[in-house]
């Protein structure tokens, strides 16, 4: 379950006050994960919205962060499975 947008806004503003835009992103992510108990998706959202990081860059930064390394393998497998099934469905519909 994700937190409300209002709570994420509070967390984003609080963390943003602690760090400027040039701060080490890994330190920001460490605070988000371990002090604010943010999920990976929430970390991406906050990094993107409050630190002016483009979404794709925020996604890659969080995904490759040592602070979320415990979920990286599972996320990659989930993504691979999704695309495998999507291609299979596409191939079936093209053959019909």
Protein backbone atom coordinates (compact mmCIF):
# COMPACT_ATOMS: atom_id res chain seq x y z
CA UNK A 1 0.00 0.00 0.00
CA UNK A 2 1.35 3.41 -0.87
CA UNK A 3 0.96 6.45 1.28
CA UNK A 4 -1.32 9.33 0.50
CA UNK A 5 -0.11 12.06 -1.80
CA UNK A 6 -0.40 14.49 1.12
CA UNK A 7 1.98 12.43 3.26
CA UNK A 8 4.42 12.00 0.36
CA UNK A 9 4.29 15.76 -0.14
CA UNK A 10 5.24 16.28 3.52
CA UNK A 11 8.10 13.77 3.26
CA UNK A 12 9.30 15.30 -0.02
CA UNK A 13 9.30 18.82 1.40
CA UNK A 14 11.02 17.72 4.62
CA UNK A 15 13.79 15.85 2.83
CA UNK A 16 14.16 18.65 0.27
CA UNK A 17 14.78 21.13 3.11
CA UNK A 18 17.60 18.91 4.37
CA UNK A 19 19.36 18.64 1.02
CA UNK A 20 19.95 21.00 -1.89
CA UNK A 21 19.64 19.99 -5.54
CA UNK A 22 23.37 19.26 -5.80
CA UNK A 23 23.38 16.90 -2.81
CA UNK A 24 24.60 13.34 -3.19
CA UNK A 25 21.56 11.47 -4.45
CA UNK A 26 22.63 8.28 -2.70
CA UNK A 27 22.49 10.10 0.63
CA UNK A 28 19.01 11.41 -0.23
CA UNK A 29 17.92 7.86 -1.12
CA UNK A 30 19.39 6.50 2.11
CA UNK A 31 17.27 8.97 4.10
CA UNK A 32 14.17 8.16 2.05
CA UNK A 33 14.59 4.41 2.51
CA UNK A 34 15.78 4.11 6.07
CA UNK A 35 14.57 7.23 7.86
CA UNK A 36 11.34 7.90 5.99
CA UNK A 37 10.58 4.23 5.18
CA UNK A 38 9.74 5.06 1.56
CA UNK A 39 9.04 2.36 -0.96
CA UNK A 40 10.99 2.24 -4.20
CA UNK A 41 8.11 3.89 -6.08
CA UNK A 42 7.87 6.63 -3.46
CA UNK A 43 11.62 7.22 -3.70
CA UNK A 44 11.36 7.64 -7.46
CA UNK A 45 8.41 10.01 -7.06
CA UNK A 46 10.15 12.19 -4.45
CA UNK A 47 13.49 12.26 -6.28
CA UNK A 48 11.72 13.29 -9.46
CA UNK A 49 9.30 15.83 -8.02
CA UNK A 50 11.32 17.46 -5.26
CA UNK A 51 14.86 17.19 -6.63
CA UNK A 52 14.08 17.99 -10.28
CA UNK A 53 15.43 14.68 -11.52
CA UNK A 54 13.83 13.51 -14.78
CA UNK A 55 11.59 10.49 -14.19
CA UNK A 56 13.67 8.03 -16.24
CA UNK A 57 16.84 9.15 -14.46
CA UNK A 58 15.14 8.91 -11.05
CA UNK A 59 13.92 5.41 -11.91
CA UNK A 60 17.43 4.28 -12.87
CA UNK A 61 19.03 5.98 -9.87
CA UNK A 62 16.69 4.32 -7.39
CA UNK A 63 16.73 0.95 -9.16
CA UNK A 64 20.54 0.85 -9.17
CA UNK A 65 20.93 2.27 -5.67
CA UNK A 66 22.60 0.13 -3.05
CA UNK A 67 19.79 1.20 -0.71
CA UNK A 68 17.21 -0.74 -2.74
CA UNK A 69 19.55 -3.52 -3.90
CA UNK A 70 17.50 -6.09 -1.99
CA UNK A 71 14.65 -5.66 -4.48
CA UNK A 72 16.65 -5.17 -7.69
CA UNK A 73 16.78 -8.85 -8.72
CA UNK A 74 13.05 -9.35 -8.09
CA UNK A 75 12.20 -6.16 -10.00
CA UNK A 76 14.32 -7.20 -12.97
CA UNK A 77 12.73 -10.67 -13.05
CA UNK A 78 9.25 -9.14 -12.85
CA UNK A 79 10.05 -6.80 -15.74
CA UNK A 80 11.51 -9.63 -17.81
CA UNK A 81 8.45 -11.81 -17.16
CA UNK A 82 6.12 -8.98 -18.11
CA UNK A 83 7.83 -8.37 -21.45
CA UNK A 84 8.03 -12.11 -22.20
CA UNK A 85 4.28 -12.45 -21.69
CA UNK A 86 3.52 -9.25 -23.57
CA UNK A 87 5.51 -10.51 -26.60
CA UNK A 88 3.73 -13.87 -26.43
CA UNK A 89 0.32 -12.18 -26.41
CA UNK A 90 1.36 -9.92 -29.29
CA UNK A 91 2.64 -12.89 -31.31
CA UNK A 92 -0.63 -14.79 -30.74
CA UNK A 93 -2.78 -11.84 -31.82
CA UNK A 94 -0.67 -11.36 -34.97
CA UNK A 95 -1.15 -15.02 -35.91
CA UNK A 96 -4.94 -14.91 -35.53
